[in-house]
Amino acid sequence: MKKFVQERPKLPIPPQAGRILLHSCCAPCSGGVIETLYEMGADFSIYFYNPNVYPRDEYERRKEHNANFAVKVGIPFIEADYDPDDWFARVKGLENEPERGKRCTQCFLMRLERSALYAHEHGFPVLTSCFGISRWKNMRQVNDCGHLAASRYCNVTYWDYDWRKSGGVVRMQEVADREGFYRQRYCGCAYSLREFLKREAAERNG
């Protein structure tokens, strides 16, 4: 792949890093992270496990843009099972929690637990995620879930690098614009869609 036009500062890869497993939620959030890791010469793969995304066609659209970019960059793209029934069971009773609340904690934890298991079983000593790059996410909430998920395995460490730093948010936007990524209008789950539709209706009627 051709060298990217703009030089970026190199990030401190964890000293224990060999192969890195990057959990990706979507192309817009992960695009800048993928390019950064690529430029660093990191040995990494993208892990797409997002059973929270609703409905199925929304899931497929997000996956397609993420997978296509992985192919373009030449990075392995691993799709895990799409098991929304398990996700709904995991967050049962938390349907009315606000964004960044307990439901989101369970959602992050479920996805990062599966990612940590894959890392453990397939020789990835480092797990990281692009979750926290979004300003809509609570960085500490994400990182706490990542560390908890990885702590179950002695051979996996969660890398909690702040991807917003060093112009990360600007780069995220630049890559999304350049690549024409599909930009979703809600976080992903049925409950965030419900709240988005409520706000949209209120704005129309307000």
N, C-alpha and C. Protein backbone atom coordinates (compact mmCIF):
# COMPACT_ATOMS: atom_id res chain seq x y z
N MET A 1 0.84 -1.20 0.00
CA MET A 1 0.00 0.00 0.00
C MET A 1 0.87 1.24 0.00
N LYS A 2 0.47 2.29 -0.72
CA LYS A 2 1.29 3.48 -0.81
C LYS A 2 1.43 4.15 0.55
N LYS A 3 2.53 4.87 0.72
CA LYS A 3 2.80 5.58 1.97
C LYS A 3 1.77 6.69 2.15
N PHE A 4 1.28 6.84 3.35
CA PHE A 4 0.31 7.88 3.61
C PHE A 4 0.99 9.24 3.53
N VAL A 5 0.25 10.23 3.10
CA VAL A 5 0.81 11.53 2.78
C VAL A 5 1.38 12.24 3.99
N GLN A 6 0.65 12.26 5.08
CA GLN A 6 1.05 13.03 6.24
C GLN A 6 1.76 12.17 7.27
N GLU A 7 2.95 12.62 7.69
CA GLU A 7 3.69 11.90 8.71
C GLU A 7 3.02 12.11 10.07
N ARG A 8 2.95 11.05 10.86
CA ARG A 8 2.32 11.12 12.17
C ARG A 8 3.32 10.67 13.24
N PRO A 9 3.17 11.17 14.47
CA PRO A 9 4.06 10.71 15.54
C PRO A 9 3.83 9.24 15.83
N LYS A 10 4.90 8.52 16.13
CA LYS A 10 4.77 7.10 16.44
C LYS A 10 4.30 6.92 17.87
N LEU A 11 3.51 5.91 18.09
CA LEU A 11 2.96 5.64 19.41
C LEU A 11 3.82 4.62 20.14
N PRO A 12 3.79 4.64 21.45
CA PRO A 12 4.58 3.67 22.24
C PRO A 12 3.89 2.31 22.28
N ILE A 13 4.31 1.40 21.42
CA ILE A 13 3.75 0.05 21.46
C ILE A 13 4.17 -0.61 22.77
N PRO A 14 3.26 -1.30 23.44
CA PRO A 14 3.62 -1.96 24.70
C PRO A 14 4.83 -2.88 24.51
N PRO A 15 5.73 -2.92 25.48
CA PRO A 15 6.95 -3.72 25.33
C PRO A 15 6.69 -5.21 25.13
N GLN A 16 5.55 -5.71 25.63
CA GLN A 16 5.25 -7.13 25.48
C GLN A 16 4.58 -7.44 24.14
N ALA A 17 4.36 -6.42 23.34
CA ALA A 17 3.60 -6.61 22.10
C ALA A 17 4.35 -7.47 21.10
N GLY A 18 3.64 -8.42 20.58
CA GLY A 18 4.08 -9.16 19.42
C GLY A 18 2.97 -8.90 18.43
N ARG A 19 1.99 -9.77 18.45
CA ARG A 19 0.80 -9.56 17.64
C ARG A 19 -0.24 -8.81 18.46
N ILE A 20 -0.92 -7.88 17.82
CA ILE A 20 -1.93 -7.07 18.48
C ILE A 20 -3.29 -7.39 17.86
N LEU A 21 -4.29 -7.60 18.69
CA LEU A 21 -5.65 -7.81 18.22
C LEU A 21 -6.43 -6.52 18.48
N LEU A 22 -6.89 -5.90 17.41
CA LEU A 22 -7.64 -4.66 17.51
C LEU A 22 -9.13 -4.95 17.37
N HIS A 23 -9.88 -4.78 18.46
CA HIS A 23 -11.32 -4.91 18.34
C HIS A 23 -11.86 -3.65 17.67
N SER A 24 -12.63 -3.85 16.61
CA SER A 24 -13.20 -2.72 15.86
C SER A 24 -14.71 -2.76 15.93
N CYS A 25 -15.30 -1.58 16.18
CA CYS A 25 -16.76 -1.49 16.22
C CYS A 25 -17.32 -1.03 14.88
N CYS A 26 -16.52 -0.29 14.11
CA CYS A 26 -16.98 0.23 12.82
C CYS A 26 -15.80 0.86 12.10
N ALA A 27 -15.98 1.13 10.81
CA ALA A 27 -14.90 1.73 10.02
C ALA A 27 -14.57 3.15 10.44
N PRO A 28 -15.56 4.04 10.68
CA PRO A 28 -15.20 5.41 11.05
C PRO A 28 -14.35 5.49 12.31
N CYS A 29 -14.66 4.69 13.33
CA CYS A 29 -13.89 4.74 14.57
C CYS A 29 -12.52 4.09 14.42
N SER A 30 -12.42 3.06 13.61
CA SER A 30 -11.17 2.30 13.55
C SER A 30 -10.23 2.72 12.43
N GLY A 31 -10.72 3.47 11.43
CA GLY A 31 -9.90 3.77 10.27
C GLY A 31 -8.58 4.44 10.60
N GLY A 32 -8.63 5.49 11.43
CA GLY A 32 -7.41 6.18 11.80
C GLY A 32 -6.49 5.33 12.64
N VAL A 33 -7.06 4.51 13.51
CA VAL A 33 -6.27 3.61 14.35
C VAL A 33 -5.57 2.57 13.48
N ILE A 34 -6.29 2.03 12.50
CA ILE A 34 -5.71 1.04 11.60
C ILE A 34 -4.53 1.64 10.83
N GLU A 35 -4.71 2.84 10.29
CA GLU A 35 -3.61 3.47 9.56
C GLU A 35 -2.42 3.73 10.47
N THR A 36 -2.68 4.17 11.69
CA THR A 36 -1.60 4.45 12.62
C THR A 36 -0.81 3.19 12.95
N LEU A 37 -1.50 2.11 13.27
CA LEU A 37 -0.81 0.86 13.56
C LEU A 37 -0.05 0.35 12.34
N TYR A 38 -0.63 0.53 11.15
CA TYR A 38 0.02 0.11 9.92
C TYR A 38 1.33 0.86 9.72
N GLU A 39 1.29 2.17 9.93
CA GLU A 39 2.48 2.99 9.74
C GLU A 39 3.56 2.67 10.77
N MET A 40 3.15 2.21 11.94
CA MET A 40 4.09 1.85 12.98
C MET A 40 4.77 0.51 12.68
N GLY A 41 4.26 -0.20 11.71
CA GLY A 41 4.80 -1.51 11.40
C GLY A 41 4.33 -2.59 12.36
N ALA A 42 3.21 -2.31 13.05
CA ALA A 42 2.69 -3.27 14.02
C ALA A 42 2.15 -4.52 13.31
N ASP A 43 2.31 -5.64 13.96
CA ASP A 43 1.74 -6.91 13.49
C ASP A 43 0.38 -7.04 14.15
N PHE A 44 -0.68 -6.73 13.42
CA PHE A 44 -2.00 -6.72 14.04
C PHE A 44 -3.08 -7.26 13.12
N SER A 45 -4.17 -7.66 13.73
CA SER A 45 -5.35 -8.11 13.01
C SER A 45 -6.56 -7.38 13.59
N ILE A 46 -7.62 -7.28 12.78
CA ILE A 46 -8.84 -6.60 13.18
C ILE A 46 -9.88 -7.66 13.57
N TYR A 47 -10.48 -7.47 14.73
CA TYR A 47 -11.48 -8.42 15.22
C TYR A 47 -12.82 -7.71 15.29
N PHE A 48 -13.79 -8.21 14.54
CA PHE A 48 -15.10 -7.58 14.44
C PHE A 48 -16.13 -8.45 15.15
N TYR A 49 -16.45 -8.06 16.38
CA TYR A 49 -17.46 -8.77 17.15
C TYR A 49 -18.40 -7.73 17.75
N ASN A 50 -19.58 -7.61 17.16
CA ASN A 50 -20.52 -6.55 17.55
C ASN A 50 -21.96 -7.04 17.49
N PRO A 51 -22.32 -7.95 18.40
CA PRO A 51 -23.68 -8.50 18.40
C PRO A 51 -24.72 -7.49 18.86
N ASN A 52 -24.27 -6.36 19.35
CA ASN A 52 -25.18 -5.30 19.80
C ASN A 52 -25.84 -4.56 18.65
N VAL A 53 -25.21 -4.57 17.47
CA VAL A 53 -25.69 -3.74 16.37
C VAL A 53 -27.02 -4.25 15.84
N TYR A 54 -27.96 -3.33 15.72
CA TYR A 54 -29.34 -3.66 15.34
C TYR A 54 -29.84 -2.62 14.35
N PRO A 55 -30.58 -3.04 13.31
CA PRO A 55 -30.93 -4.40 12.92
C PRO A 55 -29.80 -5.07 12.11
N ARG A 56 -30.09 -6.24 11.55
CA ARG A 56 -29.06 -7.01 10.86
C ARG A 56 -28.47 -6.26 9.67
N ASP A 57 -29.31 -5.55 8.91
CA ASP A 57 -28.76 -4.85 7.74
C ASP A 57 -27.82 -3.73 8.16
N GLU A 58 -28.05 -3.15 9.34
CA GLU A 58 -27.13 -2.14 9.87
C GLU A 58 -25.79 -2.80 10.21
N TYR A 59 -25.86 -3.97 10.82
CA TYR A 59 -24.65 -4.72 11.13
C TYR A 59 -23.85 -5.02 9.88
N GLU A 60 -24.53 -5.52 8.85
CA GLU A 60 -23.85 -5.89 7.61
C GLU A 60 -23.20 -4.68 6.94
N ARG A 61 -23.86 -3.54 6.99
CA ARG A 61 -23.32 -2.33 6.37
C ARG A 61 -22.06 -1.87 7.09
N ARG A 62 -22.08 -1.89 8.41
CA ARG A 62 -20.90 -1.50 9.18
C ARG A 62 -19.75 -2.48 8.94
N LYS A 63 -20.08 -3.75 8.94
CA LYS A 63 -19.05 -4.77 8.71
C LYS A 63 -18.43 -4.62 7.32
N GLU A 64 -19.25 -4.41 6.31
CA GLU A 64 -18.76 -4.31 4.94
C GLU A 64 -17.73 -3.19 4.78
N HIS A 65 -18.03 -2.01 5.32
CA HIS A 65 -17.10 -0.89 5.18
C HIS A 65 -15.80 -1.17 5.94
N ASN A 66 -15.92 -1.80 7.10
CA ASN A 66 -14.73 -2.12 7.88
C ASN A 66 -13.88 -3.18 7.18
N ALA A 67 -14.53 -4.21 6.68
CA ALA A 67 -13.81 -5.29 6.00
C ALA A 67 -13.15 -4.81 4.72
N ASN A 68 -13.84 -3.97 3.96
CA ASN A 68 -13.27 -3.47 2.71
C ASN A 68 -12.02 -2.64 2.96
N PHE A 69 -12.04 -1.86 4.03
CA PHE A 69 -10.85 -1.05 4.33
C PHE A 69 -9.70 -1.95 4.78
N ALA A 70 -10.01 -2.99 5.53
CA ALA A 70 -8.97 -3.93 5.95
C ALA A 70 -8.30 -4.57 4.74
N VAL A 71 -9.09 -4.95 3.76
CA VAL A 71 -8.55 -5.53 2.53
C VAL A 71 -7.65 -4.51 1.82
N LYS A 72 -8.10 -3.28 1.75
CA LYS A 72 -7.33 -2.22 1.08
C LYS A 72 -5.97 -2.03 1.74
N VAL A 73 -5.96 -2.03 3.06
CA VAL A 73 -4.70 -1.83 3.80
C VAL A 73 -3.87 -3.11 3.84
N GLY A 74 -4.52 -4.25 3.68
CA GLY A 74 -3.80 -5.52 3.72
C GLY A 74 -3.66 -6.08 5.12
N ILE A 75 -4.68 -5.86 5.95
CA ILE A 75 -4.67 -6.33 7.33
C ILE A 75 -5.74 -7.41 7.50
N PRO A 76 -5.41 -8.52 8.17
CA PRO A 76 -6.40 -9.58 8.37
C PRO A 76 -7.64 -9.05 9.10
N PHE A 77 -8.80 -9.47 8.62
CA PHE A 77 -10.08 -9.07 9.21
C PHE A 77 -10.80 -10.32 9.66
N ILE A 78 -11.08 -10.40 10.96
CA ILE A 78 -11.70 -11.58 11.55
C ILE A 78 -13.10 -11.21 12.01
N GLU A 79 -14.10 -11.89 11.46
CA GLU A 79 -15.48 -11.65 11.89
C GLU A 79 -15.90 -12.75 12.83
N ALA A 80 -16.34 -12.37 14.02
CA ALA A 80 -16.88 -13.34 14.97
C ALA A 80 -18.37 -13.53 14.71
N ASP A 81 -18.99 -14.41 15.47
CA ASP A 81 -20.41 -14.69 15.29
C ASP A 81 -21.25 -13.45 15.56
N TYR A 82 -22.33 -13.33 14.82
CA TYR A 82 -23.32 -12.30 15.10
C TYR A 82 -24.41 -12.97 15.92
N ASP A 83 -24.38 -12.75 17.24
CA ASP A 83 -25.30 -13.44 18.14
C ASP A 83 -26.10 -12.43 18.98
N PRO A 84 -27.03 -11.70 18.34
CA PRO A 84 -27.79 -10.67 19.05
C PRO A 84 -28.64 -11.21 20.18
N ASP A 85 -29.12 -12.45 20.09
CA ASP A 85 -29.93 -13.00 21.18
C ASP A 85 -29.11 -13.06 22.47
N ASP A 86 -27.85 -13.44 22.36
CA ASP A 86 -26.98 -13.47 23.53
C ASP A 86 -26.78 -12.06 24.09
N TRP A 87 -26.66 -11.10 23.19
CA TRP A 87 -26.48 -9.71 23.64
C TRP A 87 -27.72 -9.22 24.39
N PHE A 88 -28.90 -9.46 23.83
CA PHE A 88 -30.13 -9.03 24.50
C PHE A 88 -30.27 -9.68 25.88
N ALA A 89 -29.84 -10.94 25.98
CA ALA A 89 -29.88 -11.62 27.28
C ALA A 89 -28.91 -10.97 28.26
N ARG A 90 -27.76 -10.56 27.74
CA ARG A 90 -26.73 -9.96 28.60
C ARG A 90 -27.20 -8.63 29.20
N VAL A 91 -27.97 -7.87 28.46
CA VAL A 91 -28.39 -6.54 28.93
C VAL A 91 -29.84 -6.52 29.43
N LYS A 92 -30.42 -7.69 29.60
CA LYS A 92 -31.80 -7.75 30.09
C LYS A 92 -31.92 -7.01 31.42
N GLY A 93 -32.95 -6.18 31.53
CA GLY A 93 -33.16 -5.39 32.74
C GLY A 93 -32.50 -4.03 32.68
N LEU A 94 -31.69 -3.80 31.65
CA LEU A 94 -30.97 -2.53 31.51
C LEU A 94 -31.46 -1.74 30.30
N GLU A 95 -32.65 -2.09 29.83
CA GLU A 95 -33.17 -1.49 28.59
C GLU A 95 -33.31 0.02 28.68
N ASN A 96 -33.57 0.55 29.85
CA ASN A 96 -33.81 1.99 29.99
C ASN A 96 -32.62 2.75 30.59
N GLU A 97 -31.49 2.09 30.64
CA GLU A 97 -30.28 2.77 31.10
C GLU A 97 -29.86 3.83 30.08
N PRO A 98 -29.31 4.94 30.53
CA PRO A 98 -28.85 5.97 29.58
C PRO A 98 -27.55 5.56 28.91
N GLU A 99 -27.20 6.25 27.83
CA GLU A 99 -25.91 6.03 27.20
C GLU A 99 -24.81 6.29 28.23
N ARG A 100 -23.78 5.47 28.21
CA ARG A 100 -22.66 5.49 29.16
C ARG A 100 -23.05 4.88 30.51
N GLY A 101 -24.24 4.31 30.59
CA GLY A 101 -24.69 3.71 31.83
C GLY A 101 -24.32 2.23 31.92
N LYS A 102 -25.05 1.50 32.78
CA LYS A 102 -24.73 0.10 33.06
C LYS A 102 -24.89 -0.80 31.82
N ARG A 103 -25.84 -0.45 30.97
CA ARG A 103 -26.01 -1.27 29.76
C ARG A 103 -24.76 -1.20 28.88
N CYS A 104 -24.20 -0.02 28.75
CA CYS A 104 -23.00 0.14 27.93
C CYS A 104 -21.82 -0.61 28.54
N THR A 105 -21.74 -0.63 29.88
CA THR A 105 -20.68 -1.39 30.52
C THR A 105 -20.78 -2.87 30.15
N GLN A 106 -21.98 -3.42 30.23
CA GLN A 106 -22.17 -4.83 29.87
C GLN A 106 -21.89 -5.08 28.40
N CYS A 107 -22.25 -4.12 27.57
CA CYS A 107 -22.02 -4.26 26.12
C CYS A 107 -20.53 -4.27 25.80
N PHE A 108 -19.79 -3.31 26.36
CA PHE A 108 -18.34 -3.29 26.16
C PHE A 108 -17.70 -4.57 26.67
N LEU A 109 -18.13 -4.96 27.87
CA LEU A 109 -17.52 -6.12 28.50
C LEU A 109 -17.77 -7.39 27.70
N MET A 110 -18.98 -7.56 27.21
CA MET A 110 -19.29 -8.74 26.41
C MET A 110 -18.40 -8.83 25.18
N ARG A 111 -18.26 -7.72 24.48
CA ARG A 111 -17.47 -7.73 23.24
C ARG A 111 -15.98 -7.89 23.52
N LEU A 112 -15.50 -7.27 24.59
CA LEU A 112 -14.08 -7.38 24.90
C LEU A 112 -13.74 -8.73 25.53
N GLU A 113 -14.69 -9.34 26.22
CA GLU A 113 -14.47 -10.70 26.74
C GLU A 113 -14.26 -11.68 25.58
N ARG A 114 -15.09 -11.57 24.57
CA ARG A 114 -14.93 -12.46 23.41
C ARG A 114 -13.62 -12.17 22.69
N SER A 115 -13.27 -10.91 22.61
CA SER A 115 -12.01 -10.52 21.96
C SER A 115 -10.81 -11.07 22.74
N ALA A 116 -10.87 -10.96 24.07
CA ALA A 116 -9.77 -11.47 24.90
C ALA A 116 -9.64 -12.98 24.76
N LEU A 117 -10.77 -13.68 24.69
CA LEU A 117 -10.74 -15.12 24.50
C LEU A 117 -10.07 -15.47 23.17
N TYR A 118 -10.43 -14.75 22.11
CA TYR A 118 -9.81 -15.00 20.81
C TYR A 118 -8.31 -14.72 20.87
N ALA A 119 -7.94 -13.62 21.53
CA ALA A 119 -6.52 -13.29 21.66
C ALA A 119 -5.77 -14.40 22.39
N HIS A 120 -6.37 -14.89 23.45
CA HIS A 120 -5.78 -15.97 24.25
C HIS A 120 -5.59 -17.24 23.42
N GLU A 121 -6.59 -17.58 22.64
CA GLU A 121 -6.56 -18.85 21.90
C GLU A 121 -5.73 -18.78 20.63
N HIS A 122 -5.45 -17.57 20.14
CA HIS A 122 -4.77 -17.45 18.84
C HIS A 122 -3.44 -16.69 18.90
N GLY A 123 -2.88 -16.56 20.08
CA GLY A 123 -1.53 -16.03 20.19
C GLY A 123 -1.37 -14.54 20.00
N PHE A 124 -2.34 -13.77 20.49
CA PHE A 124 -2.22 -12.31 20.47
C PHE A 124 -1.96 -11.85 21.91
N PRO A 125 -0.74 -11.48 22.26
CA PRO A 125 -0.48 -11.08 23.64
C PRO A 125 -1.07 -9.72 24.02
N VAL A 126 -1.45 -8.93 23.04
CA VAL A 126 -1.99 -7.60 23.31
C VAL A 126 -3.35 -7.44 22.63
N LEU A 127 -4.30 -6.94 23.41
CA LEU A 127 -5.63 -6.61 22.92
C LEU A 127 -5.84 -5.12 23.08
N THR A 128 -6.42 -4.48 22.08
CA THR A 128 -6.79 -3.08 22.21
C THR A 128 -8.11 -2.86 21.47
N SER A 129 -8.67 -1.68 21.60
CA SER A 129 -9.96 -1.37 20.99
C SER A 129 -10.01 0.09 20.58
N CYS A 130 -10.81 0.37 19.56
CA CYS A 130 -11.00 1.75 19.12
C CYS A 130 -12.23 2.37 19.78
N PHE A 131 -12.90 1.66 20.68
CA PHE A 131 -14.11 2.17 21.34
C PHE A 131 -13.94 3.60 21.83
N GLY A 132 -12.85 3.84 22.57
CA GLY A 132 -12.70 5.09 23.28
C GLY A 132 -12.40 6.30 22.43
N ILE A 133 -12.17 6.12 21.13
CA ILE A 133 -11.84 7.27 20.31
C ILE A 133 -13.04 8.19 20.10
N SER A 134 -14.23 7.65 20.23
CA SER A 134 -15.44 8.45 20.05
C SER A 134 -15.69 9.33 21.26
N ARG A 135 -16.04 10.58 21.01
CA ARG A 135 -16.33 11.49 22.11
C ARG A 135 -17.62 11.11 22.83
N TRP A 136 -18.40 10.22 22.24
CA TRP A 136 -19.64 9.78 22.87
C TRP A 136 -19.41 8.67 23.89
N LYS A 137 -18.17 8.17 23.94
CA LYS A 137 -17.85 7.06 24.86
C LYS A 137 -17.06 7.56 26.05
N ASN A 138 -17.23 6.87 27.17
CA ASN A 138 -16.48 7.16 28.38
C ASN A 138 -15.20 6.32 28.36
N MET A 139 -14.06 6.99 28.24
CA MET A 139 -12.78 6.29 28.09
C MET A 139 -12.50 5.37 29.28
N ARG A 140 -12.76 5.85 30.48
CA ARG A 140 -12.49 5.02 31.65
C ARG A 140 -13.38 3.78 31.67
N GLN A 141 -14.63 3.94 31.28
CA GLN A 141 -15.56 2.81 31.22
C GLN A 141 -15.05 1.75 30.25
N VAL A 142 -14.60 2.20 29.10
CA VAL A 142 -14.06 1.28 28.08
C VAL A 142 -12.82 0.57 28.61
N ASN A 143 -11.88 1.33 29.16
CA ASN A 143 -10.62 0.74 29.61
C ASN A 143 -10.81 -0.21 30.79
N ASP A 144 -11.72 0.12 31.70
CA ASP A 144 -11.99 -0.79 32.81
C ASP A 144 -12.50 -2.13 32.29
N CYS A 145 -13.36 -2.08 31.29
CA CYS A 145 -13.88 -3.32 30.70
C CYS A 145 -12.77 -4.10 30.00
N GLY A 146 -11.90 -3.38 29.29
CA GLY A 146 -10.81 -4.03 28.59
C GLY A 146 -9.85 -4.74 29.53
N HIS A 147 -9.48 -4.06 30.61
CA HIS A 147 -8.56 -4.66 31.58
C HIS A 147 -9.21 -5.86 32.27
N LEU A 148 -10.49 -5.74 32.60
CA LEU A 148 -11.18 -6.85 33.25
C LEU A 148 -11.25 -8.06 32.33
N ALA A 149 -11.57 -7.83 31.07
CA ALA A 149 -11.67 -8.93 30.10
C ALA A 149 -10.32 -9.64 29.93
N ALA A 150 -9.26 -8.85 29.80
CA ALA A 150 -7.93 -9.43 29.57
C ALA A 150 -7.37 -10.10 30.82
N SER A 151 -7.81 -9.67 32.00
CA SER A 151 -7.26 -10.19 33.26
C SER A 151 -7.56 -11.67 33.46
N ARG A 152 -8.46 -12.22 32.70
CA ARG A 152 -8.82 -13.63 32.82
C ARG A 152 -7.76 -14.55 32.22
N TYR A 153 -6.85 -13.96 31.46
CA TYR A 153 -5.85 -14.76 30.76
C TYR A 153 -4.45 -14.22 31.06
N CYS A 154 -3.57 -15.12 31.48
CA CYS A 154 -2.23 -14.70 31.86
C CYS A 154 -1.39 -14.27 30.66
N ASN A 155 -1.83 -14.63 29.45
CA ASN A 155 -1.04 -14.32 28.26
C ASN A 155 -1.63 -13.18 27.44
N VAL A 156 -2.57 -12.42 28.01
CA VAL A 156 -3.20 -11.32 27.28
C VAL A 156 -3.18 -10.06 28.15
N THR A 157 -2.76 -8.95 27.55
CA THR A 157 -2.76 -7.65 28.22
C THR A 157 -3.60 -6.68 27.41
N TYR A 158 -4.38 -5.88 28.09
CA TYR A 158 -5.16 -4.86 27.39
C TYR A 158 -4.36 -3.58 27.29
N TRP A 159 -4.19 -3.09 26.07
CA TRP A 159 -3.45 -1.86 25.80
C TRP A 159 -4.46 -0.71 25.79
N ASP A 160 -4.40 0.14 26.82
CA ASP A 160 -5.41 1.19 26.98
C ASP A 160 -4.93 2.54 26.44
N TYR A 161 -4.24 2.51 25.31
CA TYR A 161 -3.78 3.77 24.72
C TYR A 161 -4.96 4.68 24.39
N ASP A 162 -4.79 5.98 24.66
CA ASP A 162 -5.83 6.96 24.37
C ASP A 162 -5.72 7.38 22.90
N TRP A 163 -6.55 6.77 22.05
CA TRP A 163 -6.47 7.02 20.61
C TRP A 163 -6.94 8.41 20.22
N ARG A 164 -7.47 9.16 21.17
CA ARG A 164 -7.85 10.55 20.87
C ARG A 164 -6.62 11.47 20.84
N LYS A 165 -5.53 11.02 21.46
CA LYS A 165 -4.34 11.85 21.58
C LYS A 165 -3.61 11.98 20.23
N SER A 166 -2.70 12.95 20.19
CA SER A 166 -1.83 13.15 19.02
C SER A 166 -2.62 13.31 17.73
N GLY A 167 -3.75 14.01 17.82
CA GLY A 167 -4.55 14.26 16.63
C GLY A 167 -5.37 13.08 16.17
N GLY A 168 -5.61 12.13 17.08
CA GLY A 168 -6.31 10.91 16.69
C GLY A 168 -7.74 11.15 16.22
N VAL A 169 -8.44 12.07 16.86
CA VAL A 169 -9.83 12.34 16.47
C VAL A 169 -9.87 13.00 15.09
N VAL A 170 -8.95 13.94 14.86
CA VAL A 170 -8.90 14.59 13.55
C VAL A 170 -8.58 13.58 12.47
N ARG A 171 -7.65 12.69 12.76
CA ARG A 171 -7.29 11.68 11.77
C ARG A 171 -8.45 10.74 11.51
N MET A 172 -9.16 10.36 12.54
CA MET A 172 -10.35 9.52 12.38
C MET A 172 -11.30 10.13 11.37
N GLN A 173 -11.54 11.43 11.51
CA GLN A 173 -12.45 12.13 10.61
C GLN A 173 -11.89 12.23 9.20
N GLU A 174 -10.59 12.48 9.10
CA GLU A 174 -9.95 12.58 7.79
C GLU A 174 -10.06 11.28 7.01
N VAL A 175 -9.77 10.18 7.69
CA VAL A 175 -9.82 8.87 7.02
C VAL A 175 -11.25 8.54 6.61
N ALA A 176 -12.20 8.80 7.49
CA ALA A 176 -13.60 8.52 7.16
C ALA A 176 -14.06 9.32 5.96
N ASP A 177 -13.66 10.58 5.90
CA ASP A 177 -14.03 11.43 4.75
C ASP A 177 -13.37 10.93 3.48
N ARG A 178 -12.10 10.64 3.56
CA ARG A 178 -11.34 10.21 2.38
C ARG A 178 -11.86 8.90 1.82
N GLU A 179 -12.20 7.97 2.70
CA GLU A 179 -12.62 6.64 2.27
C GLU A 179 -14.11 6.55 2.00
N GLY A 180 -14.86 7.59 2.38
CA GLY A 180 -16.30 7.55 2.17
C GLY A 180 -17.00 6.51 3.02
N PHE A 181 -16.52 6.34 4.24
CA PHE A 181 -17.13 5.36 5.13
C PHE A 181 -18.60 5.71 5.43
N TYR A 182 -19.39 4.67 5.58
CA TYR A 182 -20.75 4.85 6.06
C TYR A 182 -20.69 5.35 7.49
N ARG A 183 -21.35 6.47 7.77
CA ARG A 183 -21.36 7.05 9.11
C ARG A 183 -22.73 6.79 9.75
N GLN A 184 -22.74 5.94 10.72
CA GLN A 184 -23.98 5.62 11.42
C GLN A 184 -24.45 6.80 12.26
N ARG A 185 -25.73 6.86 12.49
CA ARG A 185 -26.30 7.99 13.23
C ARG A 185 -26.64 7.65 14.68
N TYR A 186 -26.41 6.42 15.07
CA TYR A 186 -26.63 6.01 16.46
C TYR A 186 -25.58 4.97 16.82
N CYS A 187 -25.40 4.76 18.12
CA CYS A 187 -24.31 3.92 18.58
C CYS A 187 -24.36 2.52 17.97
N GLY A 188 -25.54 1.90 18.01
CA GLY A 188 -25.61 0.58 17.40
C GLY A 188 -26.75 -0.30 17.88
N CYS A 189 -27.05 -0.28 19.17
CA CYS A 189 -28.04 -1.21 19.67
C CYS A 189 -29.47 -0.71 19.46
N ALA A 190 -30.43 -1.61 19.69
CA ALA A 190 -31.84 -1.27 19.50
C ALA A 190 -32.27 -0.14 20.41
N TYR A 191 -31.66 -0.07 21.59
CA TYR A 191 -32.06 0.95 22.55
C TYR A 191 -31.48 2.32 22.21
N SER A 192 -30.26 2.32 21.67
CA SER A 192 -29.71 3.61 21.21
C SER A 192 -30.45 4.09 19.96
N LEU A 193 -30.90 3.14 19.13
CA LEU A 193 -31.73 3.51 17.97
C LEU A 193 -33.05 4.11 18.44
N ARG A 194 -33.64 3.51 19.45
CA ARG A 194 -34.90 4.02 20.00
C ARG A 194 -34.73 5.47 20.48
N GLU A 195 -33.66 5.73 21.19
CA GLU A 195 -33.44 7.09 21.69
C GLU A 195 -33.14 8.06 20.56
N PHE A 196 -32.42 7.59 19.55
CA PHE A 196 -32.13 8.45 18.40
C PHE A 196 -33.43 8.84 17.69
N LEU A 197 -34.32 7.88 17.48
CA LEU A 197 -35.58 8.16 16.79
C LEU A 197 -36.46 9.11 17.61
N LYS A 198 -36.40 8.99 18.94
CA LYS A 198 -37.15 9.91 19.80
C LYS A 198 -36.62 11.34 19.63
N ARG A 199 -35.30 11.49 19.64
CA ARG A 199 -34.71 12.83 19.49
C ARG A 199 -35.02 13.41 18.11
N GLU A 200 -34.96 12.55 17.11
CA GLU A 200 -35.24 13.00 15.74
C GLU A 200 -36.69 13.47 15.63
N ALA A 201 -37.62 12.73 16.22
CA ALA A 201 -39.04 13.10 16.19
C ALA A 201 -39.26 14.41 16.94
N ALA A 202 -38.59 14.56 18.08
CA ALA A 202 -38.74 15.78 18.88
C ALA A 202 -38.25 17.00 18.13
N GLU A 203 -37.14 16.83 17.39
CA GLU A 203 -36.59 17.93 16.61
C GLU A 203 -37.54 18.32 15.48
N ARG A 204 -38.15 17.31 14.85
CA ARG A 204 -39.11 17.60 13.77
C ARG A 204 -40.33 18.33 14.28
N ASN A 205 -40.75 17.97 15.48
CA ASN A 205 -41.98 18.52 16.03
C ASN A 205 -41.75 19.75 16.92
N GLY A 206 -40.47 20.05 17.12
CA GLY A 206 -40.18 21.12 18.06
C GLY A 206 -40.03 22.46 17.53
